Amino acid sequence: MAQDLMIVRQQALALASGDRQELVHTLVASLEVPEVTEVDKAWLDLAETRLYEIENGKETIWGDRFFADIRRDRGWQE
């Protein structure tokens, strides 16, 4: 690690919590962020919906059971 980076890191860690949060926000915003596609947005919406449902007590099933049910419903069982 470059000496300058080590110094900046030490100085950043010495900042008050609120100042560190502002610094992090500024640094993250300065990064090149890839474009979010419609597919990405759809997956994010689905994930947020599922998280909300789980946090609010909706029953969930394990993946293996889900796929077994799909195979059964479509007549794909061996």
PDB file of N, CA and C in Angstrom:
ATOM      1  N   MET A   1       0.853  -1.175   0.000  1.00  0.00           N
ATOM      2  CA  MET A   1       0.000   0.000   0.000  1.00  0.00           C
ATOM      3  C   MET A   1       0.894   1.230   0.000  1.00  0.00           C
ATOM      4  N   ALA A   2       0.560   2.183  -0.816  1.00  0.00           N
ATOM      5  CA  ALA A   2       1.362   3.399  -0.911  1.00  0.00           C
ATOM      6  C   ALA A   2       1.319   4.161   0.413  1.00  0.00           C
ATOM      7  N   GLN A   3       2.420   4.830   0.718  1.00  0.00           N
ATOM      8  CA  GLN A   3       2.514   5.586   1.967  1.00  0.00           C
ATOM      9  C   GLN A   3       1.425   6.646   2.061  1.00  0.00           C
ATOM     10  N   ASP A   4       1.161   7.342   0.948  1.00  0.00           N
ATOM     11  CA  ASP A   4       0.117   8.375   0.957  1.00  0.00           C
ATOM     12  C   ASP A   4      -1.236   7.780   1.331  1.00  0.00           C
ATOM     13  N   LEU A   5      -1.549   6.607   0.784  1.00  0.00           N
ATOM     14  CA  LEU A   5      -2.824   5.971   1.082  1.00  0.00           C
ATOM     15  C   LEU A   5      -2.910   5.600   2.556  1.00  0.00           C
ATOM     16  N   MET A   6      -1.824   5.116   3.110  1.00  0.00           N
ATOM     17  CA  MET A   6      -1.811   4.768   4.534  1.00  0.00           C
ATOM     18  C   MET A   6      -2.082   6.003   5.388  1.00  0.00           C
ATOM     19  N   ILE A   7      -1.499   7.130   5.015  1.00  0.00           N
ATOM     20  CA  ILE A   7      -1.691   8.376   5.774  1.00  0.00           C
ATOM     21  C   ILE A   7      -3.146   8.830   5.672  1.00  0.00           C
ATOM     22  N   VAL A   8      -3.686   8.795   4.456  1.00  0.00           N
ATOM     23  CA  VAL A   8      -5.081   9.207   4.269  1.00  0.00           C
ATOM     24  C   VAL A   8      -6.007   8.293   5.065  1.00  0.00           C
ATOM     25  N   ARG A   9      -5.732   6.989   5.041  1.00  0.00           N
ATOM     26  CA  ARG A   9      -6.565   6.046   5.787  1.00  0.00           C
ATOM     27  C   ARG A   9      -6.535   6.363   7.282  1.00  0.00           C
ATOM     28  N   GLN A  10      -5.354   6.593   7.825  1.00  0.00           N
ATOM     29  CA  GLN A  10      -5.234   6.923   9.246  1.00  0.00           C
ATOM     30  C   GLN A  10      -5.997   8.204   9.582  1.00  0.00           C
ATOM     31  N   GLN A  11      -5.874   9.207   8.701  1.00  0.00           N
ATOM     32  CA  GLN A  11      -6.576  10.463   8.937  1.00  0.00           C
ATOM     33  C   GLN A  11      -8.093  10.262   8.854  1.00  0.00           C
ATOM     34  N   ALA A  12      -8.528   9.470   7.914  1.00  0.00           N
ATOM     35  CA  ALA A  12      -9.962   9.217   7.753  1.00  0.00           C
ATOM     36  C   ALA A  12     -10.512   8.499   8.984  1.00  0.00           C
ATOM     37  N   LEU A  13      -9.781   7.516   9.482  1.00  0.00           N
ATOM     38  CA  LEU A  13     -10.243   6.774  10.648  1.00  0.00           C
ATOM     39  C   LEU A  13     -10.270   7.623  11.910  1.00  0.00           C
ATOM     40  N   ALA A  14      -9.515   8.702  11.920  1.00  0.00           N
ATOM     41  CA  ALA A  14      -9.482   9.592  13.077  1.00  0.00           C
ATOM     42  C   ALA A  14     -10.648  10.581  13.067  1.00  0.00           C
ATOM     43  N   LEU A  15     -11.379  10.669  11.962  1.00  0.00           N
ATOM     44  CA  LEU A  15     -12.511  11.590  11.865  1.00  0.00           C
ATOM     45  C   LEU A  15     -13.674  11.134  12.746  1.00  0.00           C
ATOM     46  N   ALA A  16     -14.529  12.076  13.074  1.00  0.00           N
ATOM     47  CA  ALA A  16     -15.762  11.752  13.802  1.00  0.00           C
ATOM     48  C   ALA A  16     -16.641  10.887  12.908  1.00  0.00           C
ATOM     49  N   SER A  17     -17.513  10.135  13.516  1.00  0.00           N
ATOM     50  CA  SER A  17     -18.367   9.198  12.793  1.00  0.00           C
ATOM     51  C   SER A  17     -19.139   9.865  11.657  1.00  0.00           C
ATOM     52  N   GLY A  18     -19.766  10.990  11.930  1.00  0.00           N
ATOM     53  CA  GLY A  18     -20.542  11.682  10.907  1.00  0.00           C
ATOM     54  C   GLY A  18     -19.683  12.132   9.738  1.00  0.00           C
ATOM     55  N   ASP A  19     -18.475  12.594  10.048  1.00  0.00           N
ATOM     56  CA  ASP A  19     -17.560  13.015   8.988  1.00  0.00           C
ATOM     57  C   ASP A  19     -17.104  11.821   8.148  1.00  0.00           C
ATOM     58  N   ARG A  20     -16.882  10.678   8.808  1.00  0.00           N
ATOM     59  CA  ARG A  20     -16.508   9.470   8.061  1.00  0.00           C
ATOM     60  C   ARG A  20     -17.640   9.042   7.134  1.00  0.00           C
ATOM     61  N   GLN A  21     -18.880   9.130   7.625  1.00  0.00           N
ATOM     62  CA  GLN A  21     -20.019   8.775   6.783  1.00  0.00           C
ATOM     63  C   GLN A  21     -20.091   9.678   5.559  1.00  0.00           C
ATOM     64  N   GLU A  22     -19.891  10.963   5.745  1.00  0.00           N
ATOM     65  CA  GLU A  22     -19.914  11.903   4.624  1.00  0.00           C
ATOM     66  C   GLU A  22     -18.782  11.606   3.641  1.00  0.00           C
ATOM     67  N   LEU A  23     -17.612  11.275   4.167  1.00  0.00           N
ATOM     68  CA  LEU A  23     -16.478  10.933   3.317  1.00  0.00           C
ATOM     69  C   LEU A  23     -16.761   9.680   2.508  1.00  0.00           C
ATOM     70  N   VAL A  24     -17.315   8.669   3.154  1.00  0.00           N
ATOM     71  CA  VAL A  24     -17.650   7.429   2.454  1.00  0.00           C
ATOM     72  C   VAL A  24     -18.646   7.708   1.335  1.00  0.00           C
ATOM     73  N   HIS A  25     -19.666   8.500   1.638  1.00  0.00           N
ATOM     74  CA  HIS A  25     -20.677   8.829   0.628  1.00  0.00           C
ATOM     75  C   HIS A  25     -20.016   9.523  -0.572  1.00  0.00           C
ATOM     76  N   THR A  26     -19.134  10.457  -0.299  1.00  0.00           N
ATOM     77  CA  THR A  26     -18.452  11.191  -1.362  1.00  0.00           C
ATOM     78  C   THR A  26     -17.586  10.260  -2.195  1.00  0.00           C
ATOM     79  N   LEU A  27     -16.855   9.366  -1.534  1.00  0.00           N
ATOM     80  CA  LEU A  27     -15.968   8.447  -2.256  1.00  0.00           C
ATOM     81  C   LEU A  27     -16.757   7.462  -3.112  1.00  0.00           C
ATOM     82  N   VAL A  28     -17.817   6.920  -2.553  1.00  0.00           N
ATOM     83  CA  VAL A  28     -18.631   5.967  -3.309  1.00  0.00           C
ATOM     84  C   VAL A  28     -19.276   6.657  -4.505  1.00  0.00           C
ATOM     85  N   ALA A  29     -19.765   7.864  -4.307  1.00  0.00           N
ATOM     86  CA  ALA A  29     -20.399   8.603  -5.402  1.00  0.00           C
ATOM     87  C   ALA A  29     -19.402   8.922  -6.508  1.00  0.00           C
ATOM     88  N   SER A  30     -18.120   8.986  -6.161  1.00  0.00           N
ATOM     89  CA  SER A  30     -17.111   9.325  -7.163  1.00  0.00           C
ATOM     90  C   SER A  30     -16.713   8.133  -8.037  1.00  0.00           C
ATOM     91  N   LEU A  31     -17.098   6.936  -7.626  1.00  0.00           N
ATOM     92  CA  LEU A  31     -16.760   5.747  -8.403  1.00  0.00           C
ATOM     93  C   LEU A  31     -17.637   5.658  -9.641  1.00  0.00           C
ATOM     94  N   GLU A  32     -17.090   5.082 -10.685  1.00  0.00           N
ATOM     95  CA  GLU A  32     -17.898   4.858 -11.868  1.00  0.00           C
ATOM     96  C   GLU A  32     -18.837   3.698 -11.576  1.00  0.00           C
ATOM     97  N   VAL A  33     -20.111   3.962 -11.675  1.00  0.00           N
ATOM     98  CA  VAL A  33     -21.120   2.947 -11.386  1.00  0.00           C
ATOM     99  C   VAL A  33     -21.689   2.456 -12.711  1.00  0.00           C
ATOM    100  N   PRO A  34     -21.692   1.126 -12.922  1.00  0.00           N
ATOM    101  CA  PRO A  34     -22.268   0.627 -14.171  1.00  0.00           C
ATOM    102  C   PRO A  34     -23.751   0.962 -14.259  1.00  0.00           C
ATOM    103  N   GLU A  35     -24.226   1.106 -15.475  1.00  0.00           N
ATOM    104  CA  GLU A  35     -25.632   1.423 -15.686  1.00  0.00           C
ATOM    105  C   GLU A  35     -26.510   0.278 -15.179  1.00  0.00           C
ATOM    106  N   VAL A  36     -27.570   0.647 -14.490  1.00  0.00           N
ATOM    107  CA  VAL A  36     -28.518  -0.346 -13.990  1.00  0.00           C
ATOM    108  C   VAL A  36     -29.548  -0.593 -15.087  1.00  0.00           C
ATOM    109  N   THR A  37     -29.645  -1.829 -15.517  1.00  0.00           N
ATOM    110  CA  THR A  37     -30.571  -2.179 -16.591  1.00  0.00           C
ATOM    111  C   THR A  37     -31.965  -2.420 -16.038  1.00  0.00           C
ATOM    112  N   GLU A  38     -32.925  -2.562 -16.927  1.00  0.00           N
ATOM    113  CA  GLU A  38     -34.292  -2.867 -16.514  1.00  0.00           C
ATOM    114  C   GLU A  38     -34.349  -4.226 -15.817  1.00  0.00           C
ATOM    115  N   VAL A  39     -33.536  -5.161 -16.281  1.00  0.00           N
ATOM    116  CA  VAL A  39     -33.490  -6.487 -15.639  1.00  0.00           C
ATOM    117  C   VAL A  39     -32.951  -6.356 -14.220  1.00  0.00           C
ATOM    118  N   ASP A  40     -31.892  -5.557 -14.052  1.00  0.00           N
ATOM    119  CA  ASP A  40     -31.349  -5.322 -12.712  1.00  0.00           C
ATOM    120  C   ASP A  40     -32.419  -4.730 -11.799  1.00  0.00           C
ATOM    121  N   LYS A  41     -33.158  -3.747 -12.323  1.00  0.00           N
ATOM    122  CA  LYS A  41     -34.206  -3.104 -11.530  1.00  0.00           C
ATOM    123  C   LYS A  41     -35.290  -4.105 -11.144  1.00  0.00           C
ATOM    124  N   ALA A  42     -35.648  -4.975 -12.083  1.00  0.00           N
ATOM    125  CA  ALA A  42     -36.678  -5.981 -11.796  1.00  0.00           C
ATOM    126  C   ALA A  42     -36.219  -6.930 -10.694  1.00  0.00           C
ATOM    127  N   TRP A  43     -34.956  -7.386 -10.769  1.00  0.00           N
ATOM    128  CA  TRP A  43     -34.430  -8.270  -9.724  1.00  0.00           C
ATOM    129  C   TRP A  43     -34.375  -7.558  -8.376  1.00  0.00           C
ATOM    130  N   LEU A  44     -33.979  -6.288  -8.390  1.00  0.00           N
ATOM    131  CA  LEU A  44     -33.930  -5.523  -7.144  1.00  0.00           C
ATOM    132  C   LEU A  44     -35.322  -5.370  -6.547  1.00  0.00           C
ATOM    133  N   ASP A  45     -36.309  -5.068  -7.388  1.00  0.00           N
ATOM    134  CA  ASP A  45     -37.687  -4.962  -6.906  1.00  0.00           C
ATOM    135  C   ASP A  45     -38.162  -6.276  -6.290  1.00  0.00           C
ATOM    136  N   LEU A  46     -37.864  -7.378  -6.968  1.00  0.00           N
ATOM    137  CA  LEU A  46     -38.261  -8.690  -6.454  1.00  0.00           C
ATOM    138  C   LEU A  46     -37.586  -8.978  -5.116  1.00  0.00           C
ATOM    139  N   ALA A  47     -36.291  -8.685  -5.029  1.00  0.00           N
ATOM    140  CA  ALA A  47     -35.560  -8.931  -3.780  1.00  0.00           C
ATOM    141  C   ALA A  47     -36.129  -8.086  -2.641  1.00  0.00           C
ATOM    142  N   GLU A  48     -36.433  -6.830  -2.920  1.00  0.00           N
ATOM    143  CA  GLU A  48     -36.990  -5.968  -1.883  1.00  0.00           C
ATOM    144  C   GLU A  48     -38.373  -6.459  -1.445  1.00  0.00           C
ATOM    145  N   THR A  49     -39.171  -6.904  -2.403  1.00  0.00           N
ATOM    146  CA  THR A  49     -40.496  -7.444  -2.078  1.00  0.00           C
ATOM    147  C   THR A  49     -40.368  -8.681  -1.205  1.00  0.00           C
ATOM    148  N   ARG A  50     -39.480  -9.606  -1.589  1.00  0.00           N
ATOM    149  CA  ARG A  50     -39.288 -10.837  -0.819  1.00  0.00           C
ATOM    150  C   ARG A  50     -38.787 -10.524   0.590  1.00  0.00           C
ATOM    151  N   LEU A  51     -37.846  -9.585   0.721  1.00  0.00           N
ATOM    152  CA  LEU A  51     -37.342  -9.214   2.032  1.00  0.00           C
ATOM    153  C   LEU A  51     -38.470  -8.657   2.898  1.00  0.00           C
ATOM    154  N   TYR A  52     -39.296  -7.799   2.320  1.00  0.00           N
ATOM    155  CA  TYR A  52     -40.435  -7.244   3.052  1.00  0.00           C
ATOM    156  C   TYR A  52     -41.361  -8.357   3.518  1.00  0.00           C
ATOM    157  N   GLU A  53     -41.649  -9.298   2.619  1.00  0.00           N
ATOM    158  CA  GLU A  53     -42.545 -10.403   2.965  1.00  0.00           C
ATOM    159  C   GLU A  53     -41.964 -11.255   4.093  1.00  0.00           C
ATOM    160  N   ILE A  54     -40.696 -11.570   4.002  1.00  0.00           N
ATOM    161  CA  ILE A  54     -40.053 -12.397   5.029  1.00  0.00           C
ATOM    162  C   ILE A  54     -40.048 -11.671   6.369  1.00  0.00           C
ATOM    163  N   GLU A  55     -39.696 -10.383   6.350  1.00  0.00           N
ATOM    164  CA  GLU A  55     -39.658  -9.611   7.593  1.00  0.00           C
ATOM    165  C   GLU A  55     -41.042  -9.462   8.221  1.00  0.00           C
ATOM    166  N   ASN A  56     -42.081  -9.611   7.412  1.00  0.00           N
ATOM    167  CA  ASN A  56     -43.442  -9.463   7.919  1.00  0.00           C
ATOM    168  C   ASN A  56     -44.161 -10.791   8.073  1.00  0.00           C
ATOM    169  N   GLY A  57     -43.380 -11.885   8.158  1.00  0.00           N
ATOM    170  CA  GLY A  57     -43.931 -13.167   8.544  1.00  0.00           C
ATOM    171  C   GLY A  57     -44.481 -14.052   7.450  1.00  0.00           C
ATOM    172  N   LYS A  58     -44.305 -13.697   6.192  1.00  0.00           N
ATOM    173  CA  LYS A  58     -44.807 -14.569   5.138  1.00  0.00           C
ATOM    174  C   LYS A  58     -43.998 -15.863   5.136  1.00  0.00           C
ATOM    175  N   GLU A  59     -44.716 -16.981   5.030  1.00  0.00           N
ATOM    176  CA  GLU A  59     -44.060 -18.284   5.022  1.00  0.00           C
ATOM    177  C   GLU A  59     -43.217 -18.431   3.756  1.00  0.00           C
ATOM    178  N   THR A  60     -42.055 -18.998   3.910  1.00  0.00           N
ATOM    179  CA  THR A  60     -41.177 -19.241   2.771  1.00  0.00           C
ATOM    180  C   THR A  60     -40.928 -20.738   2.641  1.00  0.00           C
ATOM    181  N   ILE A  61     -40.440 -21.148   1.478  1.00  0.00           N
ATOM    182  CA  ILE A  61     -40.083 -22.555   1.280  1.00  0.00           C
ATOM    183  C   ILE A  61     -38.642 -22.636   0.817  1.00  0.00           C
ATOM    184  N   TRP A  62     -38.011 -23.761   1.073  1.00  0.00           N
ATOM    185  CA  TRP A  62     -36.635 -23.984   0.647  1.00  0.00           C
ATOM    186  C   TRP A  62     -36.585 -24.192  -0.857  1.00  0.00           C
ATOM    187  N   GLY A  63     -35.468 -23.816  -1.450  1.00  0.00           N
ATOM    188  CA  GLY A  63     -35.300 -23.917  -2.895  1.00  0.00           C
ATOM    189  C   GLY A  63     -35.524 -25.309  -3.445  1.00  0.00           C
ATOM    190  N   ASP A  64     -35.022 -26.330  -2.745  1.00  0.00           N
ATOM    191  CA  ASP A  64     -35.182 -27.694  -3.261  1.00  0.00           C
ATOM    192  C   ASP A  64     -36.657 -28.091  -3.310  1.00  0.00           C
ATOM    193  N   ARG A  65     -37.420 -27.660  -2.321  1.00  0.00           N
ATOM    194  CA  ARG A  65     -38.860 -27.952  -2.346  1.00  0.00           C
ATOM    195  C   ARG A  65     -39.540 -27.176  -3.477  1.00  0.00           C
ATOM    196  N   PHE A  66     -39.147 -25.932  -3.656  1.00  0.00           N
ATOM    197  CA  PHE A  66     -39.711 -25.112  -4.727  1.00  0.00           C
ATOM    198  C   PHE A  66     -39.514 -25.784  -6.086  1.00  0.00           C
ATOM    199  N   PHE A  67     -38.279 -26.204  -6.364  1.00  0.00           N
ATOM    200  CA  PHE A  67     -37.994 -26.817  -7.658  1.00  0.00           C
ATOM    201  C   PHE A  67     -38.681 -28.176  -7.808  1.00  0.00           C
ATOM    202  N   ALA A  68     -38.790 -28.914  -6.712  1.00  0.00           N
ATOM    203  CA  ALA A  68     -39.523 -30.186  -6.760  1.00  0.00           C
ATOM    204  C   ALA A  68     -40.987 -29.933  -7.097  1.00  0.00           C
ATOM    205  N   ASP A  69     -41.570 -28.904  -6.503  1.00  0.00           N
ATOM    206  CA  ASP A  69     -42.965 -28.559  -6.800  1.00  0.00           C
ATOM    207  C   ASP A  69     -43.125 -28.155  -8.263  1.00  0.00           C
ATOM    208  N   ILE A  70     -42.194 -27.382  -8.783  1.00  0.00           N
ATOM    209  CA  ILE A  70     -42.249 -26.966 -10.194  1.00  0.00           C
ATOM    210  C   ILE A  70     -42.183 -28.192 -11.107  1.00  0.00           C
ATOM    211  N   ARG A  71     -41.232 -29.085 -10.817  1.00  0.00           N
ATOM    212  CA  ARG A  71     -41.109 -30.305 -11.644  1.00  0.00           C
ATOM    213  C   ARG A  71     -42.388 -31.129 -11.585  1.00  0.00           C
ATOM    214  N   ARG A  72     -42.952 -31.265 -10.400  1.00  0.00           N
ATOM    215  CA  ARG A  72     -44.189 -32.034 -10.243  1.00  0.00           C
ATOM    216  C   ARG A  72     -45.333 -31.371 -11.013  1.00  0.00           C
ATOM    217  N   ASP A  73     -45.484 -30.061 -10.842  1.00  0.00           N
ATOM    218  CA  ASP A  73     -46.586 -29.344 -11.483  1.00  0.00           C
ATOM    219  C   ASP A  73     -46.497 -29.383 -13.006  1.00  0.00           C
ATOM    220  N   ARG A  74     -45.308 -29.451 -13.523  1.00  0.00           N
ATOM    221  CA  ARG A  74     -45.120 -29.461 -14.980  1.00  0.00           C
ATOM    222  C   ARG A  74     -44.988 -30.879 -15.536  1.00  0.00           C
ATOM    223  N   GLY A  75     -45.088 -31.877 -14.658  1.00  0.00           N
ATOM    224  CA  GLY A  75     -44.988 -33.259 -15.112  1.00  0.00           C
ATOM    225  C   GLY A  75     -43.571 -33.661 -15.504  1.00  0.00           C
ATOM    226  N   TRP A  76     -42.595 -32.993 -14.911  1.00  0.00           N
ATOM    227  CA  TRP A  76     -41.188 -33.260 -15.256  1.00  0.00           C
ATOM    228  C   TRP A  76     -40.542 -34.264 -14.312  1.00  0.00           C
ATOM    229  N   GLN A  77     -41.302 -34.811 -13.399  1.00  0.00           N
ATOM    230  CA  GLN A  77     -40.700 -35.764 -12.455  1.00  0.00           C
ATOM    231  C   GLN A  77     -40.307 -37.034 -13.164  1.00  0.00           C
ATOM    232  N   GLU A  78     -39.231 -37.592 -12.702  1.00  0.00           N
ATOM    233  CA  GLU A  78     -38.720 -38.831 -13.302  1.00  0.00           C
ATOM    234  C   GLU A  78     -39.448 -40.031 -12.752  1.00  0.00           C
TER     235      GLU A  78
END
